[in-house]
Every structure is written in C-alpha cells, then in structure tokens.
Protein backbone atom coordinates (compact mmCIF):
# COMPACT_ATOMS: atom_id res chain seq x y z
CA UNK A 1 15.63 -28.70 -27.41
CA UNK A 2 13.36 -27.37 -29.97
CA UNK A 3 9.72 -27.41 -31.32
CA UNK A 4 7.60 -27.12 -34.27
CA UNK A 5 8.06 -23.92 -36.19
CA UNK A 6 5.48 -22.80 -38.96
CA UNK A 7 5.66 -20.23 -41.24
CA UNK A 8 3.54 -18.56 -44.10
CA UNK A 9 5.91 -20.61 -46.28
CA UNK A 10 5.46 -23.64 -44.87
CA UNK A 11 1.59 -23.79 -44.40
CA UNK A 12 1.39 -23.29 -47.94
CA UNK A 13 4.02 -25.76 -49.02
CA UNK A 14 3.33 -28.60 -46.53
CA UNK A 15 -0.27 -27.88 -45.10
CA UNK A 16 -0.91 -29.65 -41.52
CA UNK A 17 -3.69 -31.92 -42.85
CA UNK A 18 -1.26 -33.86 -45.64
CA UNK A 19 -1.98 -37.34 -45.81
CA UNK A 20 1.80 -38.15 -45.63
CA UNK A 21 5.37 -37.23 -45.87
CA UNK A 22 6.59 -36.10 -49.18
CA UNK A 23 9.00 -37.76 -51.28
CA UNK A 24 12.58 -38.12 -49.26
CA UNK A 25 14.56 -35.56 -50.90
CA UNK A 26 17.91 -36.62 -52.42
CA UNK A 27 19.91 -34.57 -50.00
CA UNK A 28 18.56 -36.65 -47.27
CA UNK A 29 20.16 -39.68 -48.78
CA UNK A 30 23.14 -37.80 -49.22
CA UNK A 31 23.25 -36.68 -45.65
CA UNK A 32 22.94 -40.47 -44.78
CA UNK A 33 25.78 -41.82 -46.92
CA UNK A 34 27.65 -39.47 -45.39
CA UNK A 35 27.02 -40.88 -42.26
CA UNK A 36 27.68 -44.19 -43.26
CA UNK A 37 31.07 -43.31 -44.90
CA UNK A 38 32.11 -42.16 -41.61
CA UNK A 39 30.85 -45.05 -39.69
CA UNK A 40 32.90 -47.28 -41.86
CA UNK A 41 36.04 -44.90 -41.78
CA UNK A 42 36.11 -45.44 -38.10
CA UNK A 43 35.90 -48.72 -38.25
CA UNK A 44 38.88 -49.40 -40.28
CA UNK A 45 40.77 -47.14 -37.66
CA UNK A 46 39.45 -48.64 -34.59
CA UNK A 47 41.11 -52.06 -33.44
CA UNK A 48 38.85 -55.03 -32.78
CA UNK A 49 36.99 -54.98 -29.87
CA UNK A 50 38.01 -51.13 -28.92
CA UNK A 51 34.68 -49.87 -29.05
CA UNK A 52 33.26 -50.40 -25.29
CA UNK A 53 31.49 -53.37 -24.61
CA UNK A 54 32.19 -54.76 -28.21
CA UNK A 55 33.56 -57.84 -27.01
CA UNK A 56 30.33 -58.24 -25.34
CA UNK A 57 28.12 -57.54 -27.96
CA UNK A 58 29.62 -59.43 -30.48
CA UNK A 59 29.32 -62.43 -27.95
CA UNK A 60 25.78 -62.15 -27.66
CA UNK A 61 25.67 -62.42 -31.57
CA UNK A 62 27.75 -64.87 -31.65
CA UNK A 63 26.02 -67.58 -29.07
CA UNK A 64 22.44 -66.20 -30.73
CA UNK A 65 23.69 -67.11 -34.37
CA UNK A 66 25.31 -70.50 -33.29
CA UNK A 67 22.84 -71.72 -30.79
CA UNK A 68 19.43 -69.70 -31.92
CA UNK A 69 18.56 -68.82 -28.28
CA UNK A 70 19.57 -65.79 -26.18
CA UNK A 71 22.36 -65.88 -23.61
CA UNK A 72 20.62 -66.14 -20.02
CA UNK A 73 23.34 -66.48 -17.33
CA UNK A 74 25.45 -63.63 -17.02
CA UNK A 75 28.89 -64.01 -15.81
CA UNK A 76 29.37 -67.49 -17.20
CA UNK A 77 32.35 -66.82 -19.67
CA UNK A 78 32.55 -65.54 -23.23
CA UNK A 79 33.57 -68.55 -25.92
CA UNK A 80 36.53 -70.16 -25.80
CA UNK A 81 37.33 -68.73 -29.55
CA UNK A 82 36.57 -65.18 -28.65
CA UNK A 83 38.55 -65.07 -25.49
CA UNK A 84 41.60 -66.95 -27.17
CA UNK A 85 41.07 -64.22 -29.98
CA UNK A 86 40.97 -61.35 -27.47
CA UNK A 87 44.12 -62.97 -25.67
CA UNK A 88 46.10 -62.62 -29.17
CA UNK A 89 44.98 -59.24 -29.85
CA UNK A 90 46.46 -58.38 -26.36
CA UNK A 91 43.26 -57.12 -25.53
CA UNK A 92 43.06 -56.70 -21.98
CA UNK A 93 46.43 -55.22 -21.99
CA UNK A 94 45.70 -52.22 -23.96
CA UNK A 95 41.96 -51.22 -22.94
CA UNK A 96 42.40 -48.82 -20.17
CA UNK A 97 46.41 -48.41 -20.47
CA UNK A 98 46.87 -45.37 -22.82
CA UNK A 99 50.45 -46.00 -23.26
CA UNK A 100 49.93 -49.36 -24.75
CA UNK A 101 49.51 -50.52 -28.46
CA UNK A 102 47.90 -53.34 -29.99
CA UNK A 103 50.10 -55.82 -31.45
CA UNK A 104 50.81 -55.91 -34.95
CA UNK A 105 52.88 -57.50 -37.58
CA UNK A 106 53.82 -61.59 -38.23
CA UNK A 107 53.74 -62.51 -34.17
CA UNK A 108 50.27 -61.34 -33.89
CA UNK A 109 49.51 -62.77 -36.94
CA UNK A 110 50.55 -66.15 -35.98
CA UNK A 111 48.83 -66.20 -32.78
CA UNK A 112 45.49 -65.54 -34.84
CA UNK A 113 45.97 -68.04 -37.17
CA UNK A 114 47.04 -70.48 -34.24
CA UNK A 115 43.61 -69.87 -32.66
CA UNK A 116 41.97 -70.37 -36.03
CA UNK A 117 43.54 -73.87 -36.56
CA UNK A 118 42.98 -74.93 -33.15
CA UNK A 119 39.06 -74.80 -33.46
CA UNK A 120 38.17 -73.46 -30.00
CA UNK A 121 34.40 -73.75 -29.32
CA UNK A 122 32.42 -70.74 -30.54
CA UNK A 123 29.72 -71.22 -28.19
CA UNK A 124 30.15 -69.89 -24.39
CA UNK A 125 28.16 -70.87 -21.19
CA UNK A 126 25.54 -69.16 -22.20
CA UNK A 127 26.98 -65.65 -21.35
CA UNK A 128 27.49 -62.71 -23.27
CA UNK A 129 28.86 -60.46 -20.51
CA UNK A 130 27.24 -56.74 -19.82
CA UNK A 131 25.08 -57.22 -22.98
CA UNK A 132 23.44 -60.08 -21.62
CA UNK A 133 20.53 -58.94 -20.30
CA UNK A 134 19.79 -56.88 -23.11
CA UNK A 135 16.65 -57.79 -25.15
CA UNK A 136 17.44 -59.98 -28.41
CA UNK A 137 15.72 -57.78 -31.61
CA UNK A 138 19.35 -56.22 -32.28
CA UNK A 139 21.37 -59.53 -31.71
CA UNK A 140 18.86 -61.90 -34.09
CA UNK A 141 19.73 -58.82 -36.91
CA UNK A 142 23.33 -59.12 -36.41
CA UNK A 143 23.07 -63.25 -36.36
CA UNK A 144 21.86 -63.18 -39.37
CA UNK A 145 24.98 -61.44 -40.68
CA UNK A 146 27.07 -63.52 -38.66
CA UNK A 147 25.29 -66.56 -40.29
CA UNK A 148 25.66 -65.13 -44.04
CA UNK A 149 28.94 -63.52 -43.76
CA UNK A 150 30.68 -64.26 -47.27
CA UNK A 151 34.03 -64.60 -45.56
CA UNK A 152 35.91 -66.81 -43.53
CA UNK A 153 34.74 -68.18 -40.10
CA UNK A 154 37.30 -66.94 -37.66
CA UNK A 155 35.91 -63.79 -35.34
CA UNK A 156 37.82 -61.51 -37.25
CA UNK A 157 36.56 -62.22 -40.83
CA UNK A 158 33.04 -61.64 -39.27
CA UNK A 159 33.69 -58.44 -37.25
CA UNK A 160 33.88 -56.19 -40.36
CA UNK A 161 30.60 -57.09 -41.58
CA UNK A 162 28.75 -56.84 -38.74
CA UNK A 163 30.56 -53.44 -38.31
CA UNK A 164 29.12 -52.59 -41.30
CA UNK A 165 26.06 -53.27 -40.03
CA UNK A 166 26.59 -50.30 -37.62
CA UNK A 167 27.21 -47.85 -40.28
CA UNK A 168 23.68 -48.87 -41.83
CA UNK A 169 22.03 -48.15 -38.62
CA UNK A 170 24.06 -44.74 -38.37
CA UNK A 171 23.07 -44.00 -41.98
CA UNK A 172 19.17 -44.70 -40.54
CA UNK A 173 19.44 -42.63 -37.74
CA UNK A 174 20.95 -39.68 -39.75
CA UNK A 175 18.11 -40.07 -42.40
CA UNK A 176 15.39 -40.12 -39.66
CA UNK A 177 17.00 -37.11 -38.26
CA UNK A 178 16.71 -35.20 -41.61
CA UNK A 179 12.93 -36.24 -41.99
CA UNK A 180 12.37 -35.14 -38.12
CA UNK A 181 13.93 -31.40 -38.70
CA UNK A 182 11.72 -31.19 -41.90
CA UNK A 183 8.84 -31.76 -39.73
CA UNK A 184 9.77 -29.14 -37.21
CA UNK A 185 10.80 -26.57 -40.26
CA UNK A 186 8.98 -27.13 -43.10
CA UNK A 187 9.52 -24.12 -44.91
CA UNK A 188 13.78 -23.91 -43.99
CA UNK A 189 14.93 -26.69 -46.64
CA UNK A 190 18.49 -24.91 -46.35
CA UNK A 191 18.35 -25.48 -42.99
CA UNK A 192 17.73 -29.17 -42.84
CA UNK A 193 21.13 -30.86 -44.00
CA UNK A 194 22.75 -28.54 -41.85
CA UNK A 195 21.54 -29.93 -38.64
CA UNK A 196 21.21 -33.76 -40.04
CA UNK A 197 25.22 -33.12 -41.09
CA UNK A 198 25.93 -31.88 -37.60
CA UNK A 199 24.68 -35.05 -36.32
CA UNK A 200 26.43 -37.42 -38.84
CA UNK A 201 29.72 -35.83 -38.24
CA UNK A 202 29.32 -35.95 -34.22
CA UNK A 203 31.87 -37.84 -32.98
CA UNK A 204 31.30 -39.89 -30.75
CA UNK A 205 28.50 -40.53 -32.83
CA UNK A 206 30.35 -41.96 -35.52
CA UNK A 207 33.45 -43.68 -33.20
CA UNK A 208 30.26 -45.97 -31.73
CA UNK A 209 28.80 -46.66 -35.16
CA UNK A 210 32.41 -47.89 -36.29
CA UNK A 211 31.56 -50.85 -34.08
CA UNK A 212 29.28 -53.55 -32.80
CA UNK A 213 27.30 -51.69 -30.21
CA UNK A 214 23.75 -52.34 -28.98
CA UNK A 215 23.40 -48.45 -28.76
CA UNK A 216 23.65 -47.65 -32.84
CA UNK A 217 20.37 -49.52 -32.74
CA UNK A 218 19.05 -47.57 -29.99
CA UNK A 219 20.13 -44.40 -31.65
CA UNK A 220 18.13 -45.62 -35.05
CA UNK A 221 15.03 -46.20 -32.61
CA UNK A 222 14.55 -43.36 -30.86
CA UNK A 223 15.40 -41.09 -34.36
CA UNK A 224 12.69 -42.78 -35.89
CA UNK A 225 10.30 -42.49 -32.91
CA UNK A 226 10.98 -38.65 -32.47
CA UNK A 227 9.80 -38.35 -36.40
CA UNK A 228 7.32 -40.52 -36.03
CA UNK A 229 5.98 -38.17 -32.93
CA UNK A 230 6.46 -34.94 -34.87
CA UNK A 231 4.61 -36.11 -37.90
CA UNK A 232 1.40 -37.00 -35.65
CA UNK A 233 1.31 -33.56 -33.45
CA UNK A 234 1.97 -31.43 -36.79
CA UNK A 235 -0.29 -33.53 -39.37
CA UNK A 236 -2.67 -35.27 -36.81
CA UNK A 237 -3.35 -38.46 -35.15
CA UNK A 238 -4.69 -40.98 -37.55
CA UNK A 239 -4.39 -45.15 -37.01
CA UNK A 240 -1.46 -45.11 -39.44
CA UNK A 241 0.28 -43.05 -37.35
CA UNK A 242 -0.68 -44.66 -34.17
CA UNK A 243 0.77 -47.69 -35.44
CA UNK A 244 4.11 -45.83 -36.48
CA UNK A 245 4.44 -44.60 -33.15
CA UNK A 246 3.85 -47.75 -31.19
CA UNK A 247 5.75 -50.06 -33.37
CA UNK A 248 8.90 -47.75 -33.40
CA UNK A 249 8.58 -47.44 -29.20
CA UNK A 250 8.11 -51.03 -29.18
CA UNK A 251 11.25 -52.03 -31.51
CA UNK A 252 13.56 -49.71 -29.16
CA UNK A 253 12.12 -51.49 -25.98
CA UNK A 254 12.99 -54.65 -27.65
CA UNK A 255 16.70 -53.57 -28.35
CA UNK A 256 17.39 -51.92 -25.04
CA UNK A 257 15.45 -51.43 -22.15
CA UNK A 258 16.86 -47.80 -21.94
CA UNK A 259 13.87 -46.62 -24.38
CA UNK A 260 11.90 -46.54 -21.63
CA UNK A 261 13.05 -43.56 -21.03
CA UNK A 262 11.07 -41.74 -23.85
CA UNK A 263 7.65 -43.41 -22.85
CA UNK A 264 6.50 -40.61 -20.92
CA UNK A 265 7.12 -38.51 -24.10
CA UNK A 266 5.08 -41.11 -26.69
CA UNK A 267 2.11 -40.47 -23.75
CA UNK A 268 2.05 -36.81 -23.88
CA UNK A 269 2.22 -36.81 -27.59
CA UNK A 270 -0.53 -39.31 -27.93
CA UNK A 271 -2.50 -36.90 -25.38
CA UNK A 272 -1.45 -33.18 -27.39
CA UNK A 273 -2.38 -35.24 -30.57
CA UNK A 274 -6.08 -36.51 -29.39
CA UNK A 275 -7.14 -33.18 -28.04
CA UNK A 276 -6.03 -31.40 -31.05
CA UNK A 277 -8.36 -34.34 -32.85
CA UNK A 278 -11.10 -34.10 -30.22
CA UNK A 279 -13.58 -33.30 -32.38
CA UNK A 280 -13.09 -36.32 -34.21
CA UNK A 281 -13.77 -39.01 -31.59
CA UNK A 282 -13.34 -42.01 -34.10
CA UNK A 283 -10.06 -40.79 -35.22
CA UNK A 284 -8.87 -40.46 -31.72
CA UNK A 285 -9.56 -43.75 -30.58
CA UNK A 286 -8.56 -45.56 -33.89
CA UNK A 287 -5.08 -43.81 -33.52
CA UNK A 288 -4.92 -44.24 -29.68
CA UNK A 289 -6.07 -47.98 -30.35
CA UNK A 290 -3.69 -48.48 -33.35
CA UNK A 291 -0.80 -47.47 -30.96
CA UNK A 292 -1.77 -49.52 -27.85
CA UNK A 293 -1.92 -52.98 -30.06
CA UNK A 294 1.12 -52.13 -32.03
CA UNK A 295 3.50 -51.40 -28.65
CA UNK A 296 1.45 -54.42 -27.04
CA UNK A 297 1.60 -57.23 -29.66
CA UNK A 298 5.40 -57.50 -29.86
CA UNK A 299 6.09 -56.80 -26.33
CA UNK A 300 3.77 -59.31 -25.18
CA UNK A 301 5.13 -61.99 -27.68
CA UNK A 302 8.70 -61.24 -26.62
CA UNK A 303 7.42 -61.26 -22.88
CA UNK A 304 6.05 -65.30 -23.71
CA UNK A 305 9.33 -66.11 -25.63
CA UNK A 306 11.86 -64.82 -22.60
CA UNK A 307 9.22 -66.52 -19.95
CA UNK A 308 8.09 -69.74 -22.05
CA UNK A 309 10.77 -70.52 -24.28
CA UNK A 310 14.27 -69.00 -23.06
CA UNK A 311 13.84 -69.15 -19.48
CA UNK A 312 15.66 -65.67 -19.51
CA UNK A 313 14.63 -62.26 -17.55
CA UNK A 314 11.89 -60.05 -19.13
CA UNK A 315 13.85 -56.66 -18.41
CA UNK A 316 17.28 -58.54 -17.01
CA UNK A 317 19.13 -55.21 -17.78
CA UNK A 318 16.61 -53.02 -15.31
CA UNK A 319 16.40 -56.19 -13.14
CA UNK A 320 20.23 -55.55 -12.62
CA UNK A 321 20.24 -51.92 -12.41
CA UNK A 322 17.22 -51.92 -9.24
CA UNK A 323 19.10 -54.97 -7.54
CA UNK A 324 21.41 -53.18 -4.86
CA UNK A 325 24.43 -54.71 -2.35
CA UNK A 326 22.32 -55.93 0.74
CA UNK A 327 24.17 -52.70 2.82
CA UNK A 328 22.99 -50.29 0.34
CA UNK A 329 19.44 -48.97 0.77
CA UNK A 330 18.39 -46.53 -2.25
CA UNK A 331 17.78 -42.91 -0.80
CA UNK A 332 15.42 -40.45 -2.71
CA UNK A 333 17.57 -37.22 -1.44
CA UNK A 334 20.38 -38.94 -2.76
CA UNK A 335 18.99 -39.75 -6.12
CA UNK A 336 17.83 -36.52 -6.37
CA UNK A 337 21.51 -34.82 -5.18
CA UNK A 338 23.46 -37.36 -7.66
CA UNK A 339 20.82 -36.47 -10.31
CA UNK A 340 21.64 -32.63 -10.15
CA UNK A 341 25.26 -33.15 -9.90
CA UNK A 342 25.32 -35.15 -12.81
CA UNK A 343 24.36 -32.47 -15.10
CA UNK A 344 24.56 -29.52 -12.88
CA UNK A 345 26.92 -27.43 -10.64
CA UNK A 346 26.79 -28.96 -6.97
CA UNK A 347 25.18 -26.71 -4.72
CA UNK A 348 26.75 -25.59 -1.35
CA UNK A 349 24.67 -27.56 1.19
CA UNK A 350 24.92 -31.01 -1.22
CA UNK A 351 27.27 -34.04 -0.75
CA UNK A 352 29.74 -34.36 -3.03
CA UNK A 353 28.53 -37.36 -5.00
CA UNK A 354 31.72 -36.96 -7.42
CA UNK A 355 34.72 -36.54 -5.12
CA UNK A 356 37.34 -37.03 -8.22
CA UNK A 357 35.44 -34.55 -10.24
CA UNK A 358 35.03 -30.76 -10.16
CA UNK A 359 31.99 -30.50 -12.39
CA UNK A 360 30.65 -34.01 -13.40
CA UNK A 361 28.69 -32.55 -16.22
CA UNK A 362 31.51 -30.93 -17.66
CA UNK A 363 34.12 -33.71 -17.37
CA UNK A 364 31.81 -36.84 -18.32
CA UNK A 365 29.08 -35.28 -20.78
CA UNK A 366 30.48 -32.48 -22.39
CA UNK A 367 33.81 -33.61 -22.62
CA UNK A 368 33.05 -37.20 -23.49
CA UNK A 369 30.71 -35.65 -26.45
CA UNK A 370 33.10 -33.57 -27.86
CA UNK A 371 35.77 -36.37 -27.57
CA UNK A 372 36.53 -39.52 -25.65
CA UNK A 373 37.12 -42.57 -27.23
CA UNK A 374 37.84 -46.16 -26.80
CA UNK A 375 37.35 -47.27 -23.29
CA UNK A 376 37.07 -44.08 -22.26
CA UNK A 377 40.98 -43.79 -22.10
CA UNK A 378 41.62 -41.39 -24.89
CA UNK A 379 40.40 -37.87 -25.31
CA UNK A 380 41.16 -34.28 -26.98
CA UNK A 381 42.92 -31.46 -25.01
CA UNK A 382 40.64 -29.58 -22.33
CA UNK A 383 40.82 -26.44 -24.84
CA UNK A 384 39.03 -27.83 -27.50
CA UNK A 385 36.29 -28.39 -25.45
CA UNK A 386 36.20 -25.01 -24.65
CA UNK A 387 36.46 -23.72 -28.02
CA UNK A 388 33.61 -26.32 -28.57
CA UNK A 389 31.36 -24.85 -25.35
CA UNK A 390 31.45 -21.23 -27.11
CA UNK A 391 30.03 -22.32 -30.28
CA UNK A 392 27.58 -24.46 -28.64
CA UNK A 393 26.58 -21.68 -26.84
CA UNK A 394 26.27 -19.74 -29.49
CA UNK A 395 24.09 -21.92 -31.19
CA UNK A 396 21.71 -22.58 -28.12
CA UNK A 397 21.54 -18.64 -27.94
CA UNK A 398 20.51 -18.31 -31.57
CA UNK A 399 17.76 -21.04 -31.29
CA UNK A 400 16.24 -19.30 -28.27
CA UNK A 401 16.42 -15.90 -30.02
CA UNK A 402 14.57 -17.49 -32.55
CA UNK A 403 11.64 -18.90 -30.55
CA UNK A 404 11.23 -15.73 -28.99
CA UNK A 405 10.69 -14.14 -32.10
CA UNK A 406 8.42 -16.36 -33.67
CA UNK A 407 6.09 -16.77 -30.59
CA UNK A 408 3.48 -15.35 -32.37
CA UNK A 409 3.94 -18.32 -34.99
CA UNK A 410 4.39 -20.58 -32.50
CA UNK A 411 0.79 -20.08 -31.05
CA UNK A 412 -0.74 -23.32 -30.37
CA UNK A 413 2.35 -25.66 -30.84
CA UNK A 414 3.96 -24.76 -27.19
CA UNK A 415 2.57 -28.38 -26.47
CA UNK A 416 4.94 -29.71 -28.85
CA UNK A 417 8.22 -28.29 -26.91
CA UNK A 418 6.76 -29.54 -24.17
CA UNK A 419 7.09 -33.57 -25.77
CA UNK A 420 10.49 -32.85 -26.70
CA UNK A 421 11.55 -31.40 -23.35
CA UNK A 422 10.02 -34.66 -21.73
CA UNK A 423 11.98 -36.69 -24.13
CA UNK A 424 15.15 -35.12 -22.81
CA UNK A 425 14.25 -35.24 -19.36
CA UNK A 426 12.79 -38.55 -19.38
CA UNK A 427 16.56 -39.77 -20.53
CA UNK A 428 18.53 -37.98 -18.18
CA UNK A 429 16.06 -39.06 -15.57
CA UNK A 430 16.86 -43.13 -16.58
CA UNK A 431 20.71 -42.08 -16.75
CA UNK A 432 20.57 -40.65 -13.33
CA UNK A 433 18.96 -43.50 -12.03
CA UNK A 434 20.82 -46.15 -13.24
CA UNK A 435 24.04 -44.35 -12.47
CA UNK A 436 23.24 -43.98 -8.81
CA UNK A 437 21.79 -47.62 -8.40
CA UNK A 438 25.11 -48.40 -10.28
CA UNK A 439 27.12 -46.57 -7.65
CA UNK A 440 25.25 -48.13 -4.73
CA UNK A 441 26.38 -51.81 -6.44
CA UNK A 442 29.62 -50.84 -6.79
CA UNK A 443 30.98 -47.55 -5.21
CA UNK A 444 34.55 -47.80 -6.12
CA UNK A 445 33.81 -49.93 -9.29
CA UNK A 446 34.13 -48.79 -12.86
CA UNK A 447 32.52 -45.48 -13.67
CA UNK A 448 29.40 -45.87 -14.86
CA UNK A 449 28.61 -42.47 -16.31
CA UNK A 450 29.48 -42.02 -20.08
CA UNK A 451 28.68 -39.19 -22.59
CA UNK A 452 27.45 -42.06 -25.60
CA UNK A 453 24.31 -42.45 -23.19
CA UNK A 454 22.98 -39.02 -24.61
CA UNK A 455 22.79 -40.03 -28.09
CA UNK A 456 19.84 -41.38 -27.97
CA UNK A 457 18.93 -37.32 -28.34
CA UNK A 458 20.91 -36.73 -31.51
CA UNK A 459 17.45 -35.82 -33.19
CA UNK A 460 16.90 -33.17 -30.59
CA UNK A 461 20.67 -32.10 -31.15
CA UNK A 462 20.32 -31.69 -34.91
CA UNK A 463 16.79 -29.91 -34.51
CA UNK A 464 18.62 -27.58 -32.17
CA UNK A 465 21.38 -26.60 -34.70
CA UNK A 466 18.37 -25.95 -37.63
CA UNK A 467 16.62 -23.99 -35.26
CA UNK A 468 19.46 -21.86 -34.27
CA UNK A 469 20.64 -21.37 -37.99
CA UNK A 470 17.10 -20.61 -38.92
CA UNK A 471 17.09 -17.86 -36.49
CA UNK A 472 19.87 -15.80 -38.23
CA UNK A 473 18.58 -15.95 -41.33
CA UNK A 474 19.44 -17.32 -44.73
CA UNK A 475 23.01 -15.15 -45.04
CA UNK A 476 24.10 -15.64 -41.30
CA UNK A 477 22.57 -19.09 -40.66
CA UNK A 478 24.56 -20.65 -43.15
CA UNK A 479 27.49 -19.19 -41.89
CA UNK A 480 26.70 -20.40 -38.51
CA UNK A 481 25.40 -24.29 -39.58
CA UNK A 482 28.33 -24.73 -42.02
CA UNK A 483 30.79 -23.48 -39.01
CA UNK A 484 29.17 -26.24 -36.73
CA UNK A 485 29.46 -28.85 -39.57
CA UNK A 486 33.05 -27.68 -40.57
CA UNK A 487 33.82 -28.02 -36.74
CA UNK A 488 32.19 -31.53 -36.14
CA UNK A 489 33.85 -32.79 -39.43
CA UNK A 490 37.44 -31.46 -37.95
CA UNK A 491 36.69 -33.12 -34.47
CA UNK A 492 35.66 -36.54 -36.38
CA UNK A 493 38.85 -36.31 -38.42
CA UNK A 494 41.18 -35.01 -35.63
CA UNK A 495 39.76 -38.08 -33.59
CA UNK A 496 40.61 -40.87 -36.35
CA UNK A 497 43.84 -39.15 -36.48
CA UNK A 498 43.98 -39.28 -32.50
CA UNK A 499 42.66 -43.34 -32.37
CA UNK A 500 45.72 -43.96 -34.83
CA UNK A 501 47.95 -42.75 -32.70
CA UNK A 502 46.55 -44.14 -29.72
CA UNK A 503 46.75 -47.83 -31.10
CA UNK A 504 49.49 -47.98 -33.55
CA UNK A 505 51.62 -44.64 -32.55
C-alpha cells in the first residue's frame, strides 16, 4: 500500500487546487492497450469455459440476453444448449484433472455441429450456477454483446466477443491504475508506466481477463474508485468529485457485493476530505450530499427492481454466505483465528484451520498470485514463487524506505495512507468472513480461497511498485521497475505456454 507523495516539483506542476485532472498521457493509453492485447492473447490460449466459473457467468448473460430478466432460482440447471456444448467439449472430464486434455479434431467438431443442429433451448430454468445471486450490471452489458454479436448463434460463436469485452475491462483497469499512480506521484512521470505495466502483466489478472468473469468488472470498479478517492483527497472535496466517488461505489455494488469491502475506505476518505475543507462548509455539504445521492439513487433503483419486478434477493450472494448449516454456528474466536491463518503464519495456541496446508498465505495467495491457472489445477513450480518473493520483498523494502525518507514531505498526508490501508484491510476482512462462512456450510467441499479475490487491490499493488522505484532515484529505480515489469511479462508468457501445454500438450 502507498500514499500521496508530494515534492517541490509536484507542487509546481500540478497544484492541489487544480479544478480537474490534466489530459491523459499517450503512455497511459499505451499501457491500457497492452493490457487489452495481453488479455486477448490469454483468451486465445484458454479453452472455452476454463476460466473459473466462466460457464456460470456465461449462463447468466445468456439468460438475461434471452429473457430480459436476471435469473433467480439457484441450482435449477444451466440451459440445455450450454450443457450440451460443455459435454461436447469434454468440460467436466477436463477441469480439475491435470492429466486430461481438451478434445480437438474432427470428432469434437462433429459433436459441436450436432449440438448446433439440434437447436437445444438457450433458456435455462432461471439459473446461472454460482453466478445466480450476483447483481446484474456486468451481465446486462454482456447481454447487449450477446445479442449483437456479429457471428453465428452458437455459444462458441458468441464467447469470443464476450471475452473481448473482458479485455476492454482489463484495459480500463490499467488506465485507472495509471491515473491513480499519477495522482499519488504527480512529480514522477517516469514511475507511472512502471506501476501500470506491472499490473497489466500480472499473470493471474491477465488470465482472468481472458475469460467471461464478473471479477473483471469488479476490478475496473475498484480501480476507478481508488482513482476517485485519490483525486478527492489530493485536490479537495467538491460536488463533482463526490458524485464520482458515489457513482463508482454504486457501480461496484451493482456488479458484485464484494465491493462493500471498500465502503469503510470511502467513508474515511470523505471524512478526511471534509475535514480538510472544513473552512468551506458549503463545499463540504455539497460534496458529501452529492456522494450520498450518487450512491443511493442507483442502489435504491436496484432494490426496487429486485423486489418489485424481478422477484429476486437484493444481495443474494451475501445471503448465501451468511447462511450456515443448522449444525454450524459462527464463532467470533474461530473467525479471528481463521482470518489470521488465511494470511499469516499460525501461532502455537491456535487450532489449525488449514490442516492440509503448511502456510495458507503462501500456498493459497502468494503462489496463487504468482501463477495458478485453470480451475486451480495447474501452476508454476515452487521455486518460481521463491524468486518472486525475493523481488517482491525488494519492492516493499524500497517503498517503505522511500516513505521514511520522505516523511517531511508527507506531513499532512498520512491520513491518505490510512484510507488506502483501510481499503486493503476491508477486502482481506471480507474475504476472510466469506471464506469462514463457506467453511461452515461445506467443511469438506470445494476450497473457497482463491488468489483472484485479491485482484481488486491491483491499483495498490501498482502504486507500491511506483513508490518503490521512485524511492531509489531515476537510475536504480528504473532498473528495479524494469525488472519487475520484465519478470511479470516473463510470468505471463510462460503462463500462456503452460496453459497450452496443460490443455493441448
């Protein structure tokens, strides 16, 4: 995590009182383009529906595109068309089985042709599997693409266009990350693209962006929210900035309820911005009121549609997480122990919540972020994670050193650091609560914990890289930043090679 760093050059180049951000540099668009191309490359290498839950997210889009209303009955079954397509692709025999390969050749194409000729129903019994309880904003955009896709009507004709939409979302995430870093380090232009490219080539981000996944829209919303918060904290609270913060938070909530993890950070940011503008009561009231209205109106409209038109839960995913087995009672102490062990080494007095893992933070999250792909069934060798750990530790040490050396310039801006730290803690806490509740529901079921749940923190990661390289000065910092970017690119390339080997080798 990082914070706003202002130096003398920054103050003269971009004063805090500026009315709005400057024009977007060409290099920012280039970083976004690179992210989109990378995601498209992943989409060509990944077989259909082999991004986690891609079958469920496609089913939601298909149902909404065909019926004009979100699905509402969990576990009723996917559409016959999708089920038959998955069968022709050998999907269920391939996921989770590292030794299985996806079928190819004339026999597979003949099965797909048979599915197309049979004209199976594209309408499910109102279910989209694990995606059913999600809010509909992302899927509504996907449904438009589903309806206007310029190719045939078969599922596999529409899927590439929906994956291309994911690539656009990835480009938007990297663009917002670039602008977020620019707000934090306005006097260090050379560091901006290094942080943005580190995000663009993050291998799991690229992999997820290569498929139809609601997390791609969530990542864009969180990146946009971090940008809106940074602008508000640095440039001051106005009604326009309040609207921006409220609208982006609302959009995220209508994409996936995980966005609630960032609500405390938003509240803290608004309080800090209001305190700094306390001499101008009108600006404070206008900014806070605009944020509340921009957040409340879309959410209230969604609530009205859910209850009055669609007859579906307002926050179905949260309801499902909150539900537990009748024999399982949530326990605060167990929750805290589970949360600690999810990310930190287990202490001697703690019950082992992860008996099959030595260090969950390492096995689940670090190795997962370095590169665990498919339906969590293939990844890089362990030594790759150790090498990346050394590089990551170097970046973190450089960033902390930079903050210490620049403490005089940070005067008056430490609250910003607290806001971004709260965003990190909020997401980790949300993941921990959801994971613990999932454990209560199905103690021997599928593992809930996945590294992709940390991807909403990509802007913080990019900013950490940028602050770390800036602290070393232009010469050594550019060298470290270049090493991080090249290492990320190498992981991406070898991840794609590993993907081809996994499914077609």
